[in-house]
Amino acid sequence: MEFWKEESFTDQLLNKSMGIFKSDGTYLKSLAFLLDKYIGGELAVEIYKKLFVLKSNSPQSYRDLAHAYSSNGMEASGKNLYAKYYNLNKEGYFSKPPEALQQVVNTEVKTLLDIKESEVDTLLARLMNVDEDRVRILLEWNDDTAELDFQFIDNNNLLSLWANSNDGKLGESLVSKGYTSKDFFIYGDNGTWKINCLYKGNRSGLATYLKITVSTDYGTESQKDAIHIFRMDIKNVNRELLEISLGSINKSEKLGY
C-alpha cells in the first residue's frame, strides 16, 4: 500500500486477506490501521463494518466505526452512530465505558458537531474538554490483550506516564476488556515532545500493531493528521517512537517502520 497502492495485485492481496481472516478481529484491525494510513475511503470503512459485526455489543466497535465514517466523508453516518452510542450507553446497554474510551468519544463528537461549551447543556458540558485543544495524540492498538506503558517527555524533560493497565483516577485496566484507544492533548506548547513505549506483550505472542495519529490544530479548518504505525514485537524494551513539535511531526529516523 505504501509503494504500489494503484497496482492491481495490491487490491487482489487485500481482497484475499479480508476473506481468509474475515473472523479474526485482531488481524482485521491491523489491516484497518494500514488502510487508514495509505488508502482510506470506502475500503477502510468496510473493514470497520466487519469489525463491528464481530463485536456488535462493544462500545469500542461503535466508536471505531463512527470515527471511520466521519474520517472518510460520511459525516451523517458518523453522527448517527455516535448518537446511538450515547443512547445505548444511557440505557445501560453497555457496561460503563472506561474513562479512556469516553474521553475519545466525547472529543470526537464535540469536534464533529463543532460544539462550543456555551452551546451545550450542563450534562454534556461535563463530558467535554475546554475549547483550547491544539495537538491531539490518539493511541490505538489492534490487540486488546496487549499491555503498553507509554512515556511522554516534554521540552523540559518532564515525564508523564500512562499505561493501558492503569487508566484514569480509578486506575482502570483496559487489557482484555475490548478497549483499545486513548487520546491526549498538548496545549499551546512550542517545544518538542517525545513518545516512548514499553511493550509487555499480549496473550497470543504475536506482534501488536500500534497506530498513533497526531493531529495539529485539532478541530480547526487547518487541522492536519499524521498517522504512524508501529509493529510492537519485542517485549520489555523501552522504545522511542515519535518526536513531536508544534507545526512539525517527525518520526524517529533510527527506528524505521
Protein backbone atom coordinates (compact mmCIF):
# COMPACT_ATOMS: atom_id res chain seq x y z
CA MET A 1 0.00 0.00 0.00
CA GLU A 2 2.90 2.37 0.58
CA PHE A 3 4.71 1.75 -2.70
CA TRP A 4 2.18 0.05 -5.02
CA LYS A 5 -1.18 1.48 -3.96
CA GLU A 6 -2.50 1.71 -7.52
CA GLU A 7 -1.35 -1.74 -8.65
CA SER A 8 -3.96 -4.47 -9.25
CA PHE A 9 -2.08 -7.06 -7.20
CA THR A 10 -2.44 -4.82 -4.15
CA ASP A 11 -6.23 -4.96 -4.50
CA GLN A 12 -6.06 -8.72 -5.01
CA LEU A 13 -3.94 -9.19 -1.90
CA LEU A 14 -6.26 -7.03 0.19
CA ASN A 15 -9.38 -8.84 -1.00
CA LYS A 16 -7.83 -12.25 -0.43
CA SER A 17 -6.61 -11.38 3.06
CA MET A 18 -10.00 -9.97 4.03
CA GLY A 19 -11.54 -13.28 3.02
CA ILE A 20 -9.04 -15.51 4.79
CA PHE A 21 -9.07 -13.53 8.04
CA LYS A 22 -12.70 -12.38 7.98
CA SER A 23 -13.38 -13.64 11.52
CA ASP A 24 -10.04 -12.55 13.03
CA GLY A 25 -10.72 -9.17 14.61
CA THR A 26 -7.11 -8.62 15.68
CA TYR A 27 -5.83 -9.12 12.14
CA LEU A 28 -8.61 -7.02 10.59
CA LYS A 29 -7.89 -4.13 12.93
CA SER A 30 -4.21 -4.06 11.99
CA LEU A 31 -5.28 -4.06 8.32
CA ALA A 32 -7.70 -1.22 9.07
CA PHE A 33 -4.81 0.80 10.52
CA LEU A 34 -2.84 0.40 7.29
CA LEU A 35 -5.85 1.37 5.20
CA ASP A 36 -6.34 4.46 7.38
CA LYS A 37 -2.75 5.48 6.66
CA TYR A 38 -2.39 4.66 2.98
CA ILE A 39 -5.80 4.44 1.32
CA GLY A 40 -8.79 5.36 3.48
CA GLY A 41 -12.19 5.75 1.85
CA GLU A 42 -14.87 3.12 1.46
CA LEU A 43 -12.49 0.16 1.79
CA ALA A 44 -11.35 1.31 5.24
CA VAL A 45 -14.98 1.77 6.30
CA GLU A 46 -15.80 -1.75 5.08
CA ILE A 47 -13.14 -3.20 7.39
CA TYR A 48 -14.55 -1.32 10.37
CA LYS A 49 -18.00 -2.62 9.45
CA LYS A 50 -16.65 -6.17 9.58
CA LEU A 51 -15.13 -5.45 12.99
CA PHE A 52 -18.45 -4.01 14.14
CA VAL A 53 -20.28 -7.20 13.14
CA LEU A 54 -17.73 -9.32 15.01
CA LYS A 55 -18.21 -7.30 18.23
CA SER A 56 -21.57 -5.59 17.81
CA ASN A 57 -22.11 -5.29 21.58
CA SER A 58 -18.83 -3.48 22.17
CA PRO A 59 -18.77 0.31 22.74
CA GLN A 60 -15.30 0.34 21.16
CA SER A 61 -16.78 -1.05 17.92
CA TYR A 62 -19.37 1.75 17.84
CA ARG A 63 -16.69 4.37 18.32
CA ASP A 64 -14.33 2.84 15.74
CA LEU A 65 -16.97 2.62 13.01
CA ALA A 66 -18.39 6.07 13.79
CA HIS A 67 -14.89 7.54 13.58
CA ALA A 68 -14.25 5.70 10.29
CA TYR A 69 -17.43 7.16 8.84
CA SER A 70 -16.65 10.72 9.90
CA SER A 71 -12.99 10.46 8.76
CA ASN A 72 -13.95 9.26 5.29
CA GLY A 73 -16.55 11.78 4.19
CA MET A 74 -19.60 10.06 5.70
CA GLU A 75 -20.30 12.56 8.46
CA ALA A 76 -24.05 11.89 8.64
CA SER A 77 -23.48 8.18 9.26
CA GLY A 78 -20.83 9.05 11.83
CA LYS A 79 -23.15 11.40 13.72
CA ASN A 80 -25.93 8.81 13.74
CA LEU A 81 -23.69 6.09 15.13
CA TYR A 82 -22.17 8.34 17.79
CA ALA A 83 -25.73 9.28 18.80
CA LYS A 84 -26.65 5.61 19.01
CA TYR A 85 -23.59 5.03 21.20
CA TYR A 86 -24.73 7.74 23.63
CA ASN A 87 -28.31 6.42 23.70
CA LEU A 88 -27.27 2.81 24.30
CA ASN A 89 -24.82 3.91 26.95
CA LYS A 90 -27.55 5.94 28.69
CA GLU A 91 -29.93 2.96 28.56
CA GLY A 92 -27.31 0.69 30.16
CA TYR A 93 -26.81 -1.49 27.09
CA PHE A 94 -23.04 -1.34 27.64
CA SER A 95 -21.17 -1.85 30.85
CA LYS A 96 -19.87 1.59 31.79
CA PRO A 97 -17.11 2.52 29.32
CA PRO A 98 -13.77 3.40 30.92
CA GLU A 99 -12.62 6.99 31.16
CA ALA A 100 -10.16 6.47 28.30
CA LEU A 101 -12.78 5.49 25.71
CA GLN A 102 -15.37 8.00 26.91
CA GLN A 103 -12.87 10.83 26.55
CA VAL A 104 -12.07 9.75 22.98
CA VAL A 105 -15.76 9.66 22.03
CA ASN A 106 -16.55 12.99 23.70
CA THR A 107 -13.67 14.69 21.93
CA GLU A 108 -14.65 13.36 18.52
CA VAL A 109 -18.35 14.18 18.90
CA LYS A 110 -17.57 17.68 20.09
CA THR A 111 -15.36 18.28 17.06
CA LEU A 112 -17.72 16.61 14.58
CA LEU A 113 -20.64 18.76 15.73
CA ASP A 114 -18.48 21.88 16.22
CA ILE A 115 -19.97 22.38 19.69
CA LYS A 116 -18.84 25.23 21.93
CA GLU A 117 -19.02 24.97 25.70
CA SER A 118 -21.61 27.76 25.94
CA GLU A 119 -23.92 25.95 23.50
CA VAL A 120 -24.40 22.68 25.34
CA ASP A 121 -26.40 21.66 28.37
CA THR A 122 -24.73 21.04 31.70
CA LEU A 123 -24.67 17.25 31.39
CA LEU A 124 -22.93 17.22 28.01
CA ALA A 125 -20.62 20.05 29.00
CA ARG A 126 -19.30 17.96 31.87
CA LEU A 127 -18.27 15.29 29.35
CA MET A 128 -16.21 17.68 27.25
CA ASN A 129 -12.85 19.36 27.43
CA VAL A 130 -12.37 23.11 27.09
CA ASP A 131 -12.02 24.69 23.64
CA GLU A 132 -8.22 25.06 23.86
CA ASP A 133 -7.17 21.81 22.25
CA ARG A 134 -4.23 22.21 19.90
CA VAL A 135 -2.36 18.97 19.28
CA ARG A 136 -4.22 15.69 19.71
CA ILE A 137 -2.35 12.43 20.19
CA LEU A 138 -4.59 9.42 19.56
CA LEU A 139 -3.28 5.99 20.54
CA GLU A 140 -4.92 2.85 19.10
CA TRP A 141 -3.77 -0.77 19.21
CA ASN A 142 -5.14 -3.84 17.45
CA ASP A 143 -4.98 -6.42 20.24
CA ASP A 144 -6.95 -5.75 23.42
CA THR A 145 -4.78 -8.18 25.41
CA ALA A 146 -1.62 -6.16 24.72
CA GLU A 147 -0.01 -4.34 27.64
CA LEU A 148 1.53 -0.97 26.76
CA ASP A 149 3.28 1.53 29.04
CA PHE A 150 3.80 4.97 27.46
CA GLN A 151 6.10 7.81 28.45
CA PHE A 152 5.55 11.41 27.31
CA ILE A 153 8.57 13.68 27.72
CA ASP A 154 8.23 17.43 27.20
CA ASN A 155 10.82 20.04 26.20
CA ASN A 156 11.92 20.41 29.82
CA ASN A 157 12.41 16.65 30.19
CA LEU A 158 9.36 16.40 32.44
CA LEU A 159 7.96 12.89 32.31
CA SER A 160 4.29 11.85 32.18
CA LEU A 161 3.27 8.20 32.26
CA TRP A 162 0.23 6.31 31.05
CA ALA A 163 -0.38 2.56 30.88
CA ASN A 164 -3.40 0.78 29.43
CA SER A 165 -3.38 -1.40 32.53
CA ASN A 166 -3.85 1.61 34.83
CA ASP A 167 -6.02 4.33 33.32
CA GLY A 168 -7.62 7.36 34.91
CA LYS A 169 -8.29 8.30 38.51
CA LEU A 170 -9.73 4.88 39.28
CA GLY A 171 -6.77 3.04 37.79
CA GLU A 172 -8.95 1.06 35.37
CA SER A 173 -7.35 -1.66 33.27
CA LEU A 174 -8.28 -1.71 29.58
CA VAL A 175 -6.48 -5.00 28.99
CA SER A 176 -8.62 -7.92 27.78
CA LYS A 177 -11.81 -5.85 28.02
CA GLY A 178 -12.15 -4.80 24.38
CA TYR A 179 -10.96 -1.19 24.83
CA THR A 180 -8.15 -0.14 22.52
CA SER A 181 -7.95 3.65 22.27
CA LYS A 182 -6.85 6.65 24.30
CA ASP A 183 -6.18 10.31 23.45
CA PHE A 184 -4.13 13.13 24.94
CA PHE A 185 -3.71 16.83 24.17
CA ILE A 186 -0.79 19.23 24.11
CA TYR A 187 -1.94 22.79 24.78
CA GLY A 188 -0.06 25.60 23.04
CA ASP A 189 3.38 24.13 23.72
CA ASN A 190 6.08 25.23 21.25
CA GLY A 191 8.60 22.71 22.50
CA THR A 192 9.42 19.19 21.39
CA TRP A 193 7.70 16.17 22.90
CA LYS A 194 8.90 12.58 22.80
CA ILE A 195 6.70 9.49 23.00
CA ASN A 196 8.24 6.22 24.15
CA CYS A 197 6.61 2.87 24.82
CA LEU A 198 7.45 -0.21 26.85
CA TYR A 199 5.68 -3.19 25.27
CA LYS A 200 4.91 -6.04 27.66
CA GLY A 201 3.39 -8.47 25.17
CA ASN A 202 -0.06 -9.91 24.56
CA ARG A 203 -1.88 -13.19 25.09
CA SER A 204 -1.23 -14.62 21.60
CA GLY A 205 2.51 -13.97 21.48
CA LEU A 206 2.14 -12.40 18.02
CA ALA A 207 3.08 -8.80 17.28
CA THR A 208 0.80 -5.97 18.32
CA TYR A 209 0.22 -3.12 15.88
CA LEU A 210 0.13 0.36 17.36
CA LYS A 211 -1.34 3.32 15.49
CA ILE A 212 -0.54 6.86 16.63
CA THR A 213 -2.41 9.74 14.99
CA VAL A 214 -1.00 13.19 15.67
CA SER A 215 -3.43 15.99 14.78
CA THR A 216 -2.12 19.56 14.80
CA ASP A 217 -4.62 22.43 15.12
CA TYR A 218 -7.16 19.81 16.09
CA GLY A 219 -10.78 20.75 15.49
CA THR A 220 -9.99 23.70 13.21
CA GLU A 221 -10.10 24.11 9.43
CA SER A 222 -6.31 23.89 9.36
CA GLN A 223 -6.18 20.52 11.14
CA LYS A 224 -3.54 18.16 9.77
CA ASP A 225 -3.32 14.47 10.65
CA ALA A 226 -0.20 12.32 10.56
CA ILE A 227 -0.64 8.56 11.06
CA HIS A 228 2.27 6.44 12.28
CA ILE A 229 2.11 2.66 12.60
CA PHE A 230 4.48 0.58 14.71
CA ARG A 231 4.94 -3.17 14.90
CA MET A 232 5.43 -3.92 18.59
CA ASP A 233 7.09 -7.32 18.82
CA ILE A 234 10.00 -7.02 21.27
CA LYS A 235 8.91 -7.29 24.89
CA ASN A 236 10.22 -5.31 27.86
CA VAL A 237 12.32 -2.89 25.80
CA ASN A 238 11.61 0.82 26.11
CA ARG A 239 11.26 2.01 22.53
CA GLU A 240 11.45 5.57 21.23
CA LEU A 241 8.50 6.12 18.90
CA LEU A 242 7.99 9.79 17.99
CA GLU A 243 9.25 13.30 18.43
CA ILE A 244 6.53 15.93 18.09
CA SER A 245 6.76 19.71 17.96
CA LEU A 246 4.04 22.24 17.20
CA GLY A 247 3.82 22.53 13.41
CA SER A 248 6.30 19.71 12.82
CA ILE A 249 5.87 15.96 13.19
CA ASN A 250 8.94 13.76 12.91
CA LYS A 251 9.31 10.03 13.15
CA SER A 252 12.49 8.86 14.82
CA GLU A 253 14.88 8.05 11.95
CA LYS A 254 16.70 5.24 13.70
CA LEU A 255 13.60 3.17 14.31
CA GLY A 256 12.21 2.72 10.81
CA TYR A 257 8.81 1.10 10.33
